[in-house]
C-alpha atoms as a PDB file:
ATOM      1  CA  UNK A   1      -3.366   5.108   6.562  1.00  0.00           C
ATOM      2  CA  UNK A   2      -0.641   2.726   5.042  1.00  0.00           C
ATOM      3  CA  UNK A   3      -0.705  -0.767   6.170  1.00  0.00           C
ATOM      4  CA  UNK A   4       1.490  -3.564   6.102  1.00  0.00           C
ATOM      5  CA  UNK A   5       0.735  -6.609   3.785  1.00  0.00           C
ATOM      6  CA  UNK A   6       2.031 -10.047   4.479  1.00  0.00           C
ATOM      7  CA  UNK A   7       1.432 -13.625   3.295  1.00  0.00           C
ATOM      8  CA  UNK A   8      -1.097 -15.454   5.833  1.00  0.00           C
ATOM      9  CA  UNK A   9       0.794 -17.208   8.218  1.00  0.00           C
ATOM     10  CA  UNK A  10       3.755 -14.432   8.302  1.00  0.00           C
ATOM     11  CA  UNK A  11       5.683 -13.587  11.816  1.00  0.00           C
ATOM     12  CA  UNK A  12       4.360 -10.172  11.298  1.00  0.00           C
ATOM     13  CA  UNK A  13       1.076 -11.223  12.027  1.00  0.00           C
ATOM     14  CA  UNK A  14       1.290 -11.575  15.363  1.00  0.00           C
ATOM     15  CA  UNK A  15       2.257  -7.667  15.253  1.00  0.00           C
ATOM     16  CA  UNK A  16      -0.353  -5.435  16.169  1.00  0.00           C
ATOM     17  CA  UNK A  17       1.304  -2.597  14.502  1.00  0.00           C
ATOM     18  CA  UNK A  18       4.337  -2.950  12.199  1.00  0.00           C
ATOM     19  CA  UNK A  19       7.077  -0.474  12.353  1.00  0.00           C
ATOM     20  CA  UNK A  20      10.263   0.115   9.844  1.00  0.00           C
ATOM     21  CA  UNK A  21      12.333  -1.944  12.738  1.00  0.00           C
ATOM     22  CA  UNK A  22      10.118  -4.835  12.524  1.00  0.00           C
ATOM     23  CA  UNK A  23      11.410  -4.744   8.325  1.00  0.00           C
ATOM     24  CA  UNK A  24      14.946  -4.808   8.549  1.00  0.00           C
ATOM     25  CA  UNK A  25      15.992  -7.686   6.220  1.00  0.00           C
ATOM     26  CA  UNK A  26      12.650  -8.465   5.566  1.00  0.00           C
ATOM     27  CA  UNK A  27      12.293  -8.547   1.748  1.00  0.00           C
ATOM     28  CA  UNK A  28      10.129  -5.813   0.324  1.00  0.00           C
ATOM     29  CA  UNK A  29       7.991  -4.895  -2.805  1.00  0.00           C
ATOM     30  CA  UNK A  30       6.960  -1.758  -3.186  1.00  0.00           C
ATOM     31  CA  UNK A  31       5.671   1.180  -5.299  1.00  0.00           C
ATOM     32  CA  UNK A  32       8.069   3.033  -7.587  1.00  0.00           C
ATOM     33  CA  UNK A  33      11.033   5.344  -6.595  1.00  0.00           C
ATOM     34  CA  UNK A  34       8.730   8.036  -8.750  1.00  0.00           C
ATOM     35  CA  UNK A  35       6.144   7.912  -6.342  1.00  0.00           C
ATOM     36  CA  UNK A  36       5.251  10.104  -3.558  1.00  0.00           C
ATOM     37  CA  UNK A  37       4.310   7.521  -1.149  1.00  0.00           C
ATOM     38  CA  UNK A  38       7.664   5.449  -1.528  1.00  0.00           C
ATOM     39  CA  UNK A  39       9.824   9.000  -1.187  1.00  0.00           C
ATOM     40  CA  UNK A  40       7.571   9.036   2.140  1.00  0.00           C
ATOM     41  CA  UNK A  41       8.571   5.433   3.531  1.00  0.00           C
ATOM     42  CA  UNK A  42      12.070   5.874   2.741  1.00  0.00           C
ATOM     43  CA  UNK A  43      11.854   8.611   5.277  1.00  0.00           C
ATOM     44  CA  UNK A  44      10.176   6.732   7.556  1.00  0.00           C
ATOM     45  CA  UNK A  45      12.949   3.819   6.870  1.00  0.00           C
ATOM     46  CA  UNK A  46      15.752   6.419   7.381  1.00  0.00           C
ATOM     47  CA  UNK A  47      14.497   7.752  10.775  1.00  0.00           C
ATOM     48  CA  UNK A  48      14.292   4.674  11.974  1.00  0.00           C
ATOM     49  CA  UNK A  49      17.822   3.759  10.652  1.00  0.00           C
ATOM     50  CA  UNK A  50      16.878   1.037   8.639  1.00  0.00           C
ATOM     51  CA  UNK A  51      17.817   0.294   5.366  1.00  0.00           C
ATOM     52  CA  UNK A  52      15.162  -1.411   3.319  1.00  0.00           C
ATOM     53  CA  UNK A  53      15.509  -4.913   1.327  1.00  0.00           C
ATOM     54  CA  UNK A  54      13.582  -3.981  -1.991  1.00  0.00           C
ATOM     55  CA  UNK A  55      13.300  -6.717  -3.954  1.00  0.00           C
ATOM     56  CA  UNK A  56      10.431  -5.471  -6.491  1.00  0.00           C
ATOM     57  CA  UNK A  57       9.402  -2.232  -7.731  1.00  0.00           C
ATOM     58  CA  UNK A  58       6.003  -1.674  -9.378  1.00  0.00           C
ATOM     59  CA  UNK A  59       4.284   1.007 -11.164  1.00  0.00           C
ATOM     60  CA  UNK A  60       1.197  -0.471  -9.109  1.00  0.00           C
ATOM     61  CA  UNK A  61       0.050  -1.863  -5.822  1.00  0.00           C
ATOM     62  CA  UNK A  62      -2.628  -4.349  -6.965  1.00  0.00           C
ATOM     63  CA  UNK A  63       0.271  -6.925  -8.403  1.00  0.00           C
ATOM     64  CA  UNK A  64       2.378  -6.760  -5.855  1.00  0.00           C
ATOM     65  CA  UNK A  65      -0.186  -8.352  -3.495  1.00  0.00           C
ATOM     66  CA  UNK A  66      -0.553 -11.117  -5.960  1.00  0.00           C
ATOM     67  CA  UNK A  67       2.799 -11.778  -4.985  1.00  0.00           C
ATOM     68  CA  UNK A  68       2.561 -11.314  -1.202  1.00  0.00           C
ATOM     69  CA  UNK A  69       0.348 -14.027  -1.495  1.00  0.00           C
ATOM     70  CA  UNK A  70       2.429 -16.133  -3.236  1.00  0.00           C
ATOM     71  CA  UNK A  71       4.794 -15.854  -0.339  1.00  0.00           C
ATOM     72  CA  UNK A  72       7.317 -13.073  -1.991  1.00  0.00           C
ATOM     73  CA  UNK A  73       7.831 -10.932   0.770  1.00  0.00           C
ATOM     74  CA  UNK A  74       6.018  -7.838   2.164  1.00  0.00           C
ATOM     75  CA  UNK A  75       4.833  -4.467   1.245  1.00  0.00           C
ATOM     76  CA  UNK A  76       3.782  -1.752   2.605  1.00  0.00           C
ATOM     77  CA  UNK A  77       0.900   0.218   0.847  1.00  0.00           C
ATOM     78  CA  UNK A  78      -2.385   2.640   1.038  1.00  0.00           C
ATOM     79  CA  UNK A  79      -5.786   0.688   2.746  1.00  0.00           C
ATOM     80  CA  UNK A  80      -7.911   1.244  -0.077  1.00  0.00           C
ATOM     81  CA  UNK A  81      -5.604  -0.946  -2.341  1.00  0.00           C
ATOM     82  CA  UNK A  82      -5.165  -3.832   0.724  1.00  0.00           C
ATOM     83  CA  UNK A  83      -8.611  -4.286   1.137  1.00  0.00           C
ATOM     84  CA  UNK A  84      -8.919  -4.352  -2.593  1.00  0.00           C
ATOM     85  CA  UNK A  85      -7.420  -7.740  -2.544  1.00  0.00           C
ATOM     86  CA  UNK A  86      -7.948  -9.031   0.780  1.00  0.00           C
ATOM     87  CA  UNK A  87      -9.476 -12.502  -0.458  1.00  0.00           C
ATOM     88  CA  UNK A  88      -6.163 -12.846  -1.624  1.00  0.00           C
ATOM     89  CA  UNK A  89      -3.546 -15.468   1.198  1.00  0.00           C
ATOM     90  CA  UNK A  90      -2.908 -12.105   2.392  1.00  0.00           C
ATOM     91  CA  UNK A  91      -2.528 -10.167   6.172  1.00  0.00           C
ATOM     92  CA  UNK A  92      -2.764  -6.681   7.077  1.00  0.00           C
ATOM     93  CA  UNK A  93      -1.868  -4.646   9.411  1.00  0.00           C
ATOM     94  CA  UNK A  94      -1.711  -1.234  10.698  1.00  0.00           C
ATOM     95  CA  UNK A  95       1.459   0.571   9.653  1.00  0.00           C
ATOM     96  CA  UNK A  96       3.243   3.159  11.712  1.00  0.00           C
ATOM     97  CA  UNK A  97       4.616   6.097  11.573  1.00  0.00           C
ATOM     98  CA  UNK A  98       1.481   7.434   9.942  1.00  0.00           C
ATOM     99  CA  UNK A  99       1.951   8.020   6.656  1.00  0.00           C
ATOM    100  CA  UNK A 100      -0.426  10.004   3.979  1.00  0.00           C
ATOM    101  CA  UNK A 101      -1.355   8.248   1.060  1.00  0.00           C
ATOM    102  CA  UNK A 102      -3.199  10.053  -1.335  1.00  0.00           C
ATOM    103  CA  UNK A 103      -5.898   8.780  -3.817  1.00  0.00           C
ATOM    104  CA  UNK A 104      -5.985  10.511  -7.447  1.00  0.00           C
ATOM    105  CA  UNK A 105      -9.184  10.428  -9.565  1.00  0.00           C
ATOM    106  CA  UNK A 106      -8.326  11.918 -13.043  1.00  0.00           C
ATOM    107  CA  UNK A 107     -11.238  12.903 -15.314  1.00  0.00           C
ATOM    108  CA  UNK A 108     -10.971  14.147 -19.377  1.00  0.00           C
ATOM    109  CA  UNK A 109     -11.321  17.856 -18.829  1.00  0.00           C
ATOM    110  CA  UNK A 110     -12.967  17.943 -22.528  1.00  0.00           C
ATOM    111  CA  UNK A 111     -15.456  15.685 -21.873  1.00  0.00           C
ATOM    112  CA  UNK A 112     -18.644  16.190 -19.566  1.00  0.00           C
ATOM    113  CA  UNK A 113     -19.716  13.689 -17.038  1.00  0.00           C
ATOM    114  CA  UNK A 114     -22.422  11.153 -17.557  1.00  0.00           C
ATOM    115  CA  UNK A 115     -25.030  11.086 -14.210  1.00  0.00           C
ATOM    116  CA  UNK A 116     -24.124   8.002 -14.006  1.00  0.00           C
ATOM    117  CA  UNK A 117     -20.128   9.299 -13.762  1.00  0.00           C
ATOM    118  CA  UNK A 118     -20.932  11.816 -11.330  1.00  0.00           C
ATOM    119  CA  UNK A 119     -22.950   9.271  -9.080  1.00  0.00           C
ATOM    120  CA  UNK A 120     -19.831   6.908  -9.226  1.00  0.00           C
ATOM    121  CA  UNK A 121     -17.568   9.728  -8.164  1.00  0.00           C
ATOM    122  CA  UNK A 122     -19.621  10.355  -5.980  1.00  0.00           C
ATOM    123  CA  UNK A 123     -19.687   7.159  -4.330  1.00  0.00           C
ATOM    124  CA  UNK A 124     -16.587   6.510  -4.532  1.00  0.00           C
ATOM    125  CA  UNK A 125     -15.011   9.873  -2.810  1.00  0.00           C
ATOM    126  CA  UNK A 126     -17.481   9.028   0.013  1.00  0.00           C
ATOM    127  CA  UNK A 127     -15.804   5.353   0.283  1.00  0.00           C
ATOM    128  CA  UNK A 128     -12.431   6.820   0.450  1.00  0.00           C
ATOM    129  CA  UNK A 129     -13.047   9.361   3.435  1.00  0.00           C
END
């Protein structure tokens, strides 16, 4: 489930849910154009006839949270990343429409996982569900 991340005290924090029309003209920090998430976001904006005001593209969403905490703008990202940075000066609201957020785990094909690594993967998958 995607969420909208904003600086603490931002006007959007007064909303229960954020949608593309609420972001018209708002400076956005988004994941890079090559990501499937970005393509899905752009479609949601296009469907709402809103041109997103993207001021920063990033390969990773984590650093975006730090920029948001410093007042640079707003973002839409996966809940897991936003939650991981929730101790920063940010606020998180659900984003609509619902856009699938995919989590990928890359493991070495040529190496057998240790028991501890297997437990870690199991815990990670459980949290992701």
